[in-house]
């Protein structure tokens, strides 16, 4: 293929997309997950130090965010590494959700 044909195909694929907005959303979601992880860690440690108990629901919530992100990446890129990550996050989410529910009844 020649260069012009490749460029035209690229333009057709991205015709109704705002590339800058897509990049901004990508960066924002990365920052949100990073800050969310840090915030979750602070809340989790704070509750252990102050109340002398752990809150598994906070950790479960964070794991669900990562599970959804991994599945989204898998469906977008069809990469097995994202599927493996998604399965691991799903397992961890289920485990921490079960622990959080059992804490509610104790």
N, C-alpha and C. Protein backbone atom coordinates (compact mmCIF):
# COMPACT_ATOMS: atom_id res chain seq x y z
N UNK A 1 0.83 -1.19 0.00
CA UNK A 1 0.00 0.00 0.00
C UNK A 1 0.88 1.25 0.00
N UNK A 2 0.40 2.24 -0.64
CA UNK A 2 1.17 3.48 -0.62
C UNK A 2 0.74 4.35 0.56
N UNK A 3 1.54 5.34 0.82
CA UNK A 3 1.36 6.19 1.99
C UNK A 3 0.02 6.92 1.98
N UNK A 4 -0.38 7.43 0.84
CA UNK A 4 -1.63 8.19 0.74
C UNK A 4 -2.85 7.31 1.02
N UNK A 5 -2.81 6.09 0.54
CA UNK A 5 -3.93 5.17 0.76
C UNK A 5 -4.06 4.83 2.25
N UNK A 6 -2.94 4.63 2.93
CA UNK A 6 -2.95 4.34 4.36
C UNK A 6 -3.49 5.54 5.14
N UNK A 7 -3.05 6.74 4.77
CA UNK A 7 -3.54 7.94 5.44
C UNK A 7 -5.04 8.12 5.24
N UNK A 8 -5.53 7.85 4.04
CA UNK A 8 -6.96 7.98 3.77
C UNK A 8 -7.77 6.97 4.58
N UNK A 9 -7.26 5.74 4.68
CA UNK A 9 -7.94 4.72 5.50
C UNK A 9 -7.98 5.15 6.96
N UNK A 10 -6.90 5.72 7.46
CA UNK A 10 -6.84 6.19 8.83
C UNK A 10 -7.83 7.32 9.06
N UNK A 11 -7.93 8.22 8.11
CA UNK A 11 -8.89 9.33 8.22
C UNK A 11 -10.32 8.81 8.27
N UNK A 12 -10.61 7.80 7.45
CA UNK A 12 -11.96 7.23 7.43
C UNK A 12 -12.29 6.55 8.76
N UNK A 13 -11.32 5.85 9.34
CA UNK A 13 -11.54 5.18 10.62
C UNK A 13 -11.81 6.18 11.73
N UNK A 14 -11.12 7.29 11.72
CA UNK A 14 -11.21 8.27 12.80
C UNK A 14 -12.05 9.48 12.42
N UNK A 15 -12.95 9.32 11.46
CA UNK A 15 -13.69 10.44 10.90
C UNK A 15 -14.50 11.21 11.95
N UNK A 16 -15.26 10.52 12.77
CA UNK A 16 -16.13 11.19 13.74
C UNK A 16 -15.58 11.13 15.16
N UNK A 17 -14.29 10.99 15.28
CA UNK A 17 -13.67 10.91 16.60
C UNK A 17 -12.81 12.14 16.85
N UNK A 18 -12.83 12.56 18.08
CA UNK A 18 -11.94 13.64 18.50
C UNK A 18 -10.77 12.97 19.22
N UNK A 19 -9.64 12.86 18.53
CA UNK A 19 -8.49 12.14 19.06
C UNK A 19 -7.99 12.78 20.35
N UNK A 20 -7.99 14.09 20.43
CA UNK A 20 -7.53 14.78 21.65
C UNK A 20 -8.43 14.43 22.84
N UNK A 21 -9.74 14.35 22.60
CA UNK A 21 -10.67 13.99 23.68
C UNK A 21 -10.45 12.56 24.12
N UNK A 22 -10.22 11.66 23.17
CA UNK A 22 -9.95 10.27 23.53
C UNK A 22 -8.69 10.14 24.36
N UNK A 23 -7.64 10.86 23.98
CA UNK A 23 -6.40 10.83 24.75
C UNK A 23 -6.60 11.42 26.14
N UNK A 24 -7.37 12.49 26.23
CA UNK A 24 -7.63 13.12 27.53
C UNK A 24 -8.41 12.16 28.44
N UNK A 25 -9.40 11.47 27.89
CA UNK A 25 -10.16 10.51 28.67
C UNK A 25 -9.29 9.35 29.13
N UNK A 26 -8.41 8.90 28.26
CA UNK A 26 -7.49 7.81 28.61
C UNK A 26 -6.59 8.22 29.77
N UNK A 27 -6.03 9.43 29.67
CA UNK A 27 -5.15 9.93 30.72
C UNK A 27 -5.92 10.13 32.02
N UNK A 28 -7.14 10.64 31.91
CA UNK A 28 -7.96 10.88 33.10
C UNK A 28 -8.30 9.57 33.81
N UNK A 29 -8.63 8.54 33.04
CA UNK A 29 -8.97 7.26 33.67
C UNK A 29 -7.75 6.64 34.34
N UNK A 30 -6.57 6.83 33.74
CA UNK A 30 -5.34 6.33 34.37
C UNK A 30 -5.09 7.05 35.69
N UNK A 31 -5.22 8.37 35.69
CA UNK A 31 -5.03 9.13 36.92
C UNK A 31 -6.08 8.76 37.96
N UNK A 32 -7.31 8.57 37.53
CA UNK A 32 -8.38 8.22 38.46
C UNK A 32 -8.10 6.89 39.15
N UNK A 33 -7.65 5.90 38.39
CA UNK A 33 -7.33 4.61 39.01
C UNK A 33 -6.13 4.71 39.94
N UNK A 34 -5.14 5.48 39.56
CA UNK A 34 -3.96 5.65 40.41
C UNK A 34 -4.32 6.35 41.72
N UNK A 35 -5.03 7.45 41.62
CA UNK A 35 -5.46 8.17 42.82
C UNK A 35 -6.43 7.32 43.63
N UNK A 36 -7.31 6.58 42.95
CA UNK A 36 -8.23 5.69 43.65
C UNK A 36 -7.50 4.62 44.45
N UNK A 37 -6.43 4.08 43.88
CA UNK A 37 -5.64 3.08 44.60
C UNK A 37 -4.99 3.70 45.84
N UNK A 38 -4.43 4.87 45.68
CA UNK A 38 -3.78 5.56 46.80
C UNK A 38 -4.81 5.90 47.88
N UNK A 39 -5.95 6.41 47.49
CA UNK A 39 -7.01 6.77 48.42
C UNK A 39 -7.54 5.55 49.16
N UNK A 40 -7.74 4.46 48.43
CA UNK A 40 -8.18 3.21 49.05
C UNK A 40 -7.19 2.73 50.08
N UNK A 41 -5.92 2.79 49.74
CA UNK A 41 -4.88 2.37 50.67
C UNK A 41 -4.89 3.23 51.93
N UNK A 42 -5.02 4.54 51.78
CA UNK A 42 -5.07 5.43 52.94
C UNK A 42 -6.26 5.10 53.84
N UNK A 43 -7.45 4.95 53.24
CA UNK A 43 -8.64 4.62 54.03
C UNK A 43 -8.50 3.27 54.72
N UNK A 44 -7.94 2.30 54.00
CA UNK A 44 -7.78 0.96 54.57
C UNK A 44 -6.82 1.00 55.76
N UNK A 45 -5.68 1.65 55.61
CA UNK A 45 -4.70 1.75 56.70
C UNK A 45 -5.26 2.57 57.86
N UNK A 46 -5.95 3.66 57.54
CA UNK A 46 -6.55 4.49 58.59
C UNK A 46 -7.52 3.69 59.44
N UNK A 47 -8.35 2.90 58.79
CA UNK A 47 -9.33 2.13 59.55
C UNK A 47 -8.65 1.07 60.40
N UNK A 48 -7.60 0.48 59.91
CA UNK A 48 -6.87 -0.51 60.72
C UNK A 48 -6.22 0.16 61.93
N UNK A 49 -5.59 1.32 61.72
CA UNK A 49 -4.89 1.99 62.81
C UNK A 49 -5.85 2.60 63.84
N UNK A 50 -6.94 3.20 63.38
CA UNK A 50 -7.85 3.90 64.29
C UNK A 50 -8.86 2.95 64.92
N UNK A 51 -9.52 2.15 64.10
CA UNK A 51 -10.60 1.31 64.61
C UNK A 51 -10.16 -0.13 64.92
N UNK A 52 -8.94 -0.44 64.60
CA UNK A 52 -8.38 -1.78 64.84
C UNK A 52 -9.16 -2.89 64.13
N UNK A 53 -9.71 -2.55 62.97
CA UNK A 53 -10.38 -3.56 62.12
C UNK A 53 -10.21 -3.14 60.67
N UNK A 54 -10.35 -4.10 59.79
CA UNK A 54 -10.21 -3.78 58.37
C UNK A 54 -11.58 -3.67 57.72
N UNK A 55 -11.63 -2.86 56.67
CA UNK A 55 -12.86 -2.68 55.92
C UNK A 55 -12.64 -3.28 54.53
N UNK A 56 -13.07 -4.51 54.37
CA UNK A 56 -12.85 -5.20 53.11
C UNK A 56 -13.70 -4.64 51.97
N UNK A 57 -14.76 -3.92 52.29
CA UNK A 57 -15.61 -3.37 51.23
C UNK A 57 -14.88 -2.28 50.44
N UNK A 58 -13.99 -1.54 51.09
CA UNK A 58 -13.21 -0.52 50.39
C UNK A 58 -12.28 -1.19 49.38
N UNK A 59 -11.62 -2.24 49.80
CA UNK A 59 -10.70 -2.96 48.92
C UNK A 59 -11.49 -3.64 47.79
N UNK A 60 -12.64 -4.22 48.11
CA UNK A 60 -13.46 -4.88 47.10
C UNK A 60 -13.90 -3.88 46.03
N UNK A 61 -14.26 -2.68 46.45
CA UNK A 61 -14.67 -1.65 45.49
C UNK A 61 -13.53 -1.30 44.54
N UNK A 62 -12.34 -1.12 45.09
CA UNK A 62 -11.17 -0.82 44.25
C UNK A 62 -10.90 -1.97 43.27
N UNK A 63 -11.03 -3.20 43.73
CA UNK A 63 -10.77 -4.34 42.86
C UNK A 63 -11.79 -4.45 41.74
N UNK A 64 -13.02 -4.07 42.01
CA UNK A 64 -14.04 -4.07 40.96
C UNK A 64 -13.70 -3.05 39.88
N UNK A 65 -13.21 -1.87 40.29
CA UNK A 65 -12.77 -0.87 39.30
C UNK A 65 -11.69 -1.45 38.39
N UNK A 66 -10.71 -2.12 38.99
CA UNK A 66 -9.64 -2.70 38.19
C UNK A 66 -10.13 -3.85 37.31
N UNK A 67 -11.09 -4.62 37.81
CA UNK A 67 -11.66 -5.71 37.03
C UNK A 67 -12.34 -5.15 35.77
N UNK A 68 -13.15 -4.12 35.95
CA UNK A 68 -13.87 -3.51 34.82
C UNK A 68 -12.88 -2.92 33.82
N UNK A 69 -11.85 -2.26 34.32
CA UNK A 69 -10.82 -1.68 33.44
C UNK A 69 -10.12 -2.77 32.64
N UNK A 70 -9.77 -3.87 33.29
CA UNK A 70 -9.08 -4.96 32.59
C UNK A 70 -9.97 -5.61 31.54
N UNK A 71 -11.24 -5.82 31.87
CA UNK A 71 -12.15 -6.39 30.88
C UNK A 71 -12.34 -5.43 29.70
N UNK A 72 -12.44 -4.15 30.00
CA UNK A 72 -12.57 -3.16 28.93
C UNK A 72 -11.36 -3.19 28.00
N UNK A 73 -10.16 -3.26 28.57
CA UNK A 73 -8.94 -3.35 27.75
C UNK A 73 -8.92 -4.64 26.95
N UNK A 74 -9.37 -5.73 27.57
CA UNK A 74 -9.39 -7.00 26.84
C UNK A 74 -10.31 -6.92 25.63
N UNK A 75 -11.51 -6.38 25.83
CA UNK A 75 -12.46 -6.31 24.71
C UNK A 75 -12.00 -5.32 23.64
N UNK A 76 -11.20 -4.33 24.04
CA UNK A 76 -10.69 -3.37 23.07
C UNK A 76 -9.51 -3.92 22.28
N UNK A 77 -8.58 -4.56 22.99
CA UNK A 77 -7.33 -4.97 22.36
C UNK A 77 -7.23 -6.47 22.07
N UNK A 78 -8.13 -7.26 22.63
CA UNK A 78 -8.13 -8.72 22.45
C UNK A 78 -6.76 -9.34 22.81
N UNK A 79 -6.17 -8.83 23.88
CA UNK A 79 -4.88 -9.33 24.33
C UNK A 79 -5.10 -10.28 25.51
N UNK A 80 -4.41 -11.42 25.47
CA UNK A 80 -4.59 -12.42 26.52
C UNK A 80 -4.10 -11.93 27.87
N UNK A 81 -3.12 -11.03 27.88
CA UNK A 81 -2.64 -10.53 29.18
C UNK A 81 -3.72 -9.74 29.90
N UNK A 82 -4.55 -9.00 29.16
CA UNK A 82 -5.64 -8.27 29.79
C UNK A 82 -6.74 -9.23 30.27
N UNK A 83 -6.95 -10.31 29.54
CA UNK A 83 -7.92 -11.31 29.99
C UNK A 83 -7.45 -11.96 31.27
N UNK A 84 -6.17 -12.30 31.34
CA UNK A 84 -5.62 -12.90 32.55
C UNK A 84 -5.75 -11.93 33.73
N UNK A 85 -5.42 -10.68 33.51
CA UNK A 85 -5.57 -9.66 34.56
C UNK A 85 -7.03 -9.55 34.99
N UNK A 86 -7.93 -9.54 34.03
CA UNK A 86 -9.36 -9.41 34.35
C UNK A 86 -9.85 -10.60 35.18
N UNK A 87 -9.40 -11.79 34.84
CA UNK A 87 -9.79 -12.98 35.59
C UNK A 87 -9.24 -12.91 37.01
N UNK A 88 -8.00 -12.48 37.15
CA UNK A 88 -7.40 -12.35 38.49
C UNK A 88 -8.14 -11.31 39.32
N UNK A 89 -8.44 -10.15 38.71
CA UNK A 89 -9.17 -9.12 39.44
C UNK A 89 -10.58 -9.58 39.79
N UNK A 90 -11.20 -10.38 38.91
CA UNK A 90 -12.53 -10.91 39.20
C UNK A 90 -12.48 -11.83 40.42
N UNK A 91 -11.50 -12.72 40.44
CA UNK A 91 -11.35 -13.64 41.57
C UNK A 91 -11.13 -12.85 42.86
N UNK A 92 -10.23 -11.87 42.82
CA UNK A 92 -9.95 -11.06 44.01
C UNK A 92 -11.19 -10.26 44.43
N UNK A 93 -11.93 -9.74 43.46
CA UNK A 93 -13.16 -8.99 43.77
C UNK A 93 -14.18 -9.87 44.46
N UNK A 94 -14.34 -11.08 43.98
CA UNK A 94 -15.30 -12.01 44.58
C UNK A 94 -14.87 -12.35 46.01
N UNK A 95 -13.59 -12.60 46.20
CA UNK A 95 -13.09 -12.96 47.53
C UNK A 95 -13.29 -11.81 48.52
N UNK A 96 -12.89 -10.60 48.14
CA UNK A 96 -13.04 -9.47 49.06
C UNK A 96 -14.50 -9.08 49.26
N UNK A 97 -15.32 -9.25 48.26
CA UNK A 97 -16.75 -8.99 48.43
C UNK A 97 -17.36 -9.98 49.42
N UNK A 98 -16.97 -11.24 49.31
CA UNK A 98 -17.46 -12.26 50.25
C UNK A 98 -16.99 -11.94 51.67
N UNK A 99 -15.74 -11.50 51.81
CA UNK A 99 -15.24 -11.14 53.14
C UNK A 99 -15.97 -9.91 53.68
N UNK A 100 -16.25 -8.94 52.81
CA UNK A 100 -16.98 -7.75 53.26
C UNK A 100 -18.40 -8.11 53.70
N UNK A 101 -19.06 -8.97 52.95
CA UNK A 101 -20.43 -9.38 53.32
C UNK A 101 -20.42 -10.14 54.62
N UNK A 102 -19.43 -11.01 54.82
CA UNK A 102 -19.37 -11.75 56.07
C UNK A 102 -19.09 -10.82 57.25
N UNK A 103 -18.33 -9.73 57.02
CA UNK A 103 -18.11 -8.75 58.09
C UNK A 103 -19.39 -8.02 58.46
N UNK A 104 -20.29 -7.81 57.50
CA UNK A 104 -21.55 -7.14 57.80
C UNK A 104 -22.40 -7.94 58.79
N UNK A 105 -22.30 -9.26 58.74
CA UNK A 105 -23.12 -10.11 59.56
C UNK A 105 -22.45 -10.50 60.87
N UNK A 106 -21.24 -10.06 61.10
CA UNK A 106 -20.54 -10.36 62.37
C UNK A 106 -20.67 -9.23 63.34
